[in-house]
C-alpha atoms as a PDB file:
ATOM      1  CA  MET A   1      51.493-101.460-137.852  1.00  0.00           C
ATOM      2  CA  ASN A   2      51.215-103.824-134.895  1.00  0.00           C
ATOM      3  CA  SER A   3      54.592-102.675-133.530  1.00  0.00           C
ATOM      4  CA  ASN A   4      53.437 -99.016-133.368  1.00  0.00           C
ATOM      5  CA  VAL A   5      50.488 -99.963-131.142  1.00  0.00           C
ATOM      6  CA  SER A   6      52.637-101.931-128.754  1.00  0.00           C
ATOM      7  CA  LYS A   7      54.869 -98.889-128.158  1.00  0.00           C
ATOM      8  CA  GLY A   8      51.914 -96.778-126.905  1.00  0.00           C
ATOM      9  CA  PHE A   9      50.384 -96.591-123.434  1.00  0.00           C
ATOM     10  CA  SER A  10      47.825 -99.100-122.310  1.00  0.00           C
ATOM     11  CA  LEU A  11      44.403 -98.042-121.101  1.00  0.00           C
ATOM     12  CA  LEU A  12      45.291 -99.051-117.548  1.00  0.00           C
ATOM     13  CA  GLU A  13      48.393 -96.832-117.560  1.00  0.00           C
ATOM     14  CA  VAL A  14      46.366 -93.866-118.826  1.00  0.00           C
ATOM     15  CA  VAL A  15      43.667 -94.368-116.166  1.00  0.00           C
ATOM     16  CA  ILE A  16      46.277 -94.635-113.402  1.00  0.00           C
ATOM     17  CA  ALA A  17      48.059 -91.496-114.659  1.00  0.00           C
ATOM     18  CA  LEU A  18      44.754 -89.568-114.736  1.00  0.00           C
ATOM     19  CA  LEU A  19      43.928 -90.823-111.244  1.00  0.00           C
ATOM     20  CA  ILE A  20      47.277 -89.606-109.919  1.00  0.00           C
ATOM     21  CA  ILE A  21      46.796 -86.221-111.591  1.00  0.00           C
ATOM     22  CA  SER A  22      43.272 -85.844-110.184  1.00  0.00           C
ATOM     23  CA  ILE A  23      44.358 -86.784-106.634  1.00  0.00           C
ATOM     24  CA  THR A  24      47.237 -84.299-106.847  1.00  0.00           C
ATOM     25  CA  PHE A  25      44.870 -81.599-108.085  1.00  0.00           C
ATOM     26  CA  LEU A  26      42.371 -82.267-105.277  1.00  0.00           C
ATOM     27  CA  ALA A  27      45.109 -82.150-102.635  1.00  0.00           C
ATOM     28  CA  TYR A  28      46.433 -78.871-104.048  1.00  0.00           C
ATOM     29  CA  ASN A  29      42.898 -77.471-104.165  1.00  0.00           C
ATOM     30  CA  GLN A  30      42.343 -78.351-100.494  1.00  0.00           C
ATOM     31  CA  LEU A  31      45.622 -76.694 -99.529  1.00  0.00           C
ATOM     32  CA  ILE A  32      44.583 -73.496-101.257  1.00  0.00           C
ATOM     33  CA  GLU A  33      41.145 -73.631 -99.622  1.00  0.00           C
ATOM     34  CA  GLN A  34      42.676 -74.103 -96.152  1.00  0.00           C
ATOM     35  CA  ASN A  35      45.044 -71.218 -96.807  1.00  0.00           C
ATOM     36  CA  LEU A  36      42.123 -68.937 -97.725  1.00  0.00           C
ATOM     37  CA  LYS A  37      40.201 -69.955 -94.589  1.00  0.00           C
ATOM     38  CA  SER A  38      43.305 -69.310 -92.533  1.00  0.00           C
ATOM     39  CA  GLN A  39      43.653 -65.844 -94.031  1.00  0.00           C
ATOM     40  CA  GLU A  40      40.006 -65.062 -93.211  1.00  0.00           C
ATOM     41  CA  LEU A  41      40.459 -66.190 -89.602  1.00  0.00           C
ATOM     42  CA  LYS A  42      43.660 -64.171 -89.368  1.00  0.00           C
ATOM     43  CA  GLN A  43      41.860 -61.048 -90.620  1.00  0.00           C
ATOM     44  CA  ILE A  44      39.030 -61.519 -88.094  1.00  0.00           C
ATOM     45  CA  PHE A  45      41.558 -62.013 -85.288  1.00  0.00           C
ATOM     46  CA  ILE A  46      43.430 -58.856 -86.291  1.00  0.00           C
ATOM     47  CA  GLN A  47      40.218 -56.815 -86.378  1.00  0.00           C
ATOM     48  CA  GLU A  48      39.147 -58.059 -82.941  1.00  0.00           C
ATOM     49  CA  SER A  49      42.624 -57.396 -81.542  1.00  0.00           C
ATOM     50  CA  ASP A  50      42.502 -53.875 -82.936  1.00  0.00           C
ATOM     51  CA  LYS A  51      39.135 -53.345 -81.252  1.00  0.00           C
ATOM     52  CA  LYS A  52      40.516 -54.540 -77.917  1.00  0.00           C
ATOM     53  CA  LEU A  53      43.586 -52.347 -78.245  1.00  0.00           C
ATOM     54  CA  ASN A  54      41.527 -49.314 -79.231  1.00  0.00           C
ATOM     55  CA  LEU A  55      39.125 -49.875 -76.355  1.00  0.00           C
ATOM     56  CA  LEU A  56      42.003 -50.280 -73.931  1.00  0.00           C
ATOM     57  CA  THR A  57      43.633 -47.102 -75.245  1.00  0.00           C
ATOM     58  CA  ILE A  58      40.403 -45.130 -74.858  1.00  0.00           C
ATOM     59  CA  TYR A  59      39.825 -46.316 -71.295  1.00  0.00           C
ATOM     60  CA  VAL A  60      43.431 -45.746 -70.238  1.00  0.00           C
ATOM     61  CA  SER A  61      43.530 -42.245 -71.694  1.00  0.00           C
ATOM     62  CA  ASP A  62      40.127 -41.272 -70.268  1.00  0.00           C
ATOM     63  CA  PRO A  63      38.569 -43.806 -67.844  1.00  0.00           C
ATOM     64  CA  ASP A  64      35.413 -41.708 -67.490  1.00  0.00           C
ATOM     65  CA  VAL A  65      34.643 -41.767 -71.207  1.00  0.00           C
ATOM     66  CA  ASP A  66      31.001 -42.022 -72.162  1.00  0.00           C
ATOM     67  CA  GLN A  67      30.099 -45.606 -73.107  1.00  0.00           C
ATOM     68  CA  TYR A  68      27.801 -44.435 -75.886  1.00  0.00           C
ATOM     69  CA  GLU A  69      30.735 -42.839 -77.696  1.00  0.00           C
ATOM     70  CA  VAL A  70      32.848 -45.974 -77.336  1.00  0.00           C
ATOM     71  CA  ARG A  71      30.030 -48.177 -78.631  1.00  0.00           C
ATOM     72  CA  GLN A  72      29.510 -45.922 -81.595  1.00  0.00           C
ATOM     73  CA  ILE A  73      33.200 -45.630 -82.507  1.00  0.00           C
ATOM     74  CA  LEU A  74      34.103 -49.316 -82.143  1.00  0.00           C
ATOM     75  CA  ASP A  75      30.774 -50.805 -83.286  1.00  0.00           C
ATOM     76  CA  ILE A  76      30.164 -52.566 -79.968  1.00  0.00           C
ATOM     77  CA  ASN A  77      26.652 -53.591 -78.924  1.00  0.00           C
ATOM     78  CA  GLU A  78      27.068 -53.519 -75.146  1.00  0.00           C
ATOM     79  CA  ILE A  79      29.753 -52.556 -72.607  1.00  0.00           C
ATOM     80  CA  SER A  80      29.757 -53.401 -68.911  1.00  0.00           C
ATOM     81  CA  GLU A  81      32.314 -52.577 -66.248  1.00  0.00           C
ATOM     82  CA  THR A  82      32.956 -54.616 -63.117  1.00  0.00           C
ATOM     83  CA  LYS A  83      35.252 -53.450 -60.346  1.00  0.00           C
ATOM     84  CA  ILE A  84      37.383 -56.429 -59.352  1.00  0.00           C
ATOM     85  CA  SER A  85      39.626 -54.972 -56.687  1.00  0.00           C
ATOM     86  CA  SER A  86      41.216 -51.760 -55.499  1.00  0.00           C
ATOM     87  CA  PHE A  87      44.505 -50.895 -53.877  1.00  0.00           C
ATOM     88  CA  ARG A  88      45.094 -47.356 -52.643  1.00  0.00           C
ATOM     89  CA  ASN A  89      44.376 -45.105 -55.647  1.00  0.00           C
ATOM     90  CA  PHE A  90      44.222 -47.922 -58.201  1.00  0.00           C
ATOM     91  CA  ASP A  91      41.170 -49.885 -59.279  1.00  0.00           C
ATOM     92  CA  GLU A  92      41.252 -53.112 -61.231  1.00  0.00           C
ATOM     93  CA  ILE A  93      38.325 -53.129 -63.629  1.00  0.00           C
ATOM     94  CA  LYS A  94      37.028 -55.865 -65.918  1.00  0.00           C
ATOM     95  CA  ILE A  95      35.439 -54.484 -69.075  1.00  0.00           C
ATOM     96  CA  ASP A  96      33.124 -56.791 -71.013  1.00  0.00           C
ATOM     97  CA  PHE A  97      32.124 -55.798 -74.489  1.00  0.00           C
ATOM     98  CA  ILE A  98      29.792 -57.634 -76.806  1.00  0.00           C
ATOM     99  CA  THR A  99      30.040 -57.357 -80.574  1.00  0.00           C
ATOM    100  CA  ASP A 100      27.919 -59.011 -83.228  1.00  0.00           C
ATOM    101  CA  ASP A 101      30.234 -62.035 -83.297  1.00  0.00           C
ATOM    102  CA  GLU A 102      31.439 -62.590 -79.746  1.00  0.00           C
ATOM    103  CA  SER A 103      31.774 -61.426 -76.165  1.00  0.00           C
ATOM    104  CA  VAL A 104      35.238 -60.339 -75.040  1.00  0.00           C
ATOM    105  CA  TYR A 105      36.638 -58.922 -71.846  1.00  0.00           C
ATOM    106  CA  ILE A 106      39.765 -57.036 -70.890  1.00  0.00           C
ATOM    107  CA  THR A 107      41.074 -56.118 -67.472  1.00  0.00           C
ATOM    108  CA  ILE A 108      42.676 -52.749 -66.779  1.00  0.00           C
ATOM    109  CA  ILE A 109      44.061 -50.987 -63.756  1.00  0.00           C
ATOM    110  CA  LYS A 110      43.309 -47.321 -63.438  1.00  0.00           C
END
């Protein structure tokens, strides 16, 4: 009977094995959590990029568009235009728009 016990694992070996398993699990859990956060940030970035592109498209297609319509369509709180420079028939305009999360600007030439 004594020989069967000596062939088993000691308590120290079991504790070390469980420690290694738990550390591996925690590391894997953190990797998954970071991946999910990264996906959320990526989705926010894509949505903001789409807003910028849509705003740019609207202003390029019709520079005299009513700001109320743009705010309503793109869910923007405030829009301001600043004329930076002009050359012959072209004007360089900086457009600032403020959303719930951030303030962004784009520069166009019309």
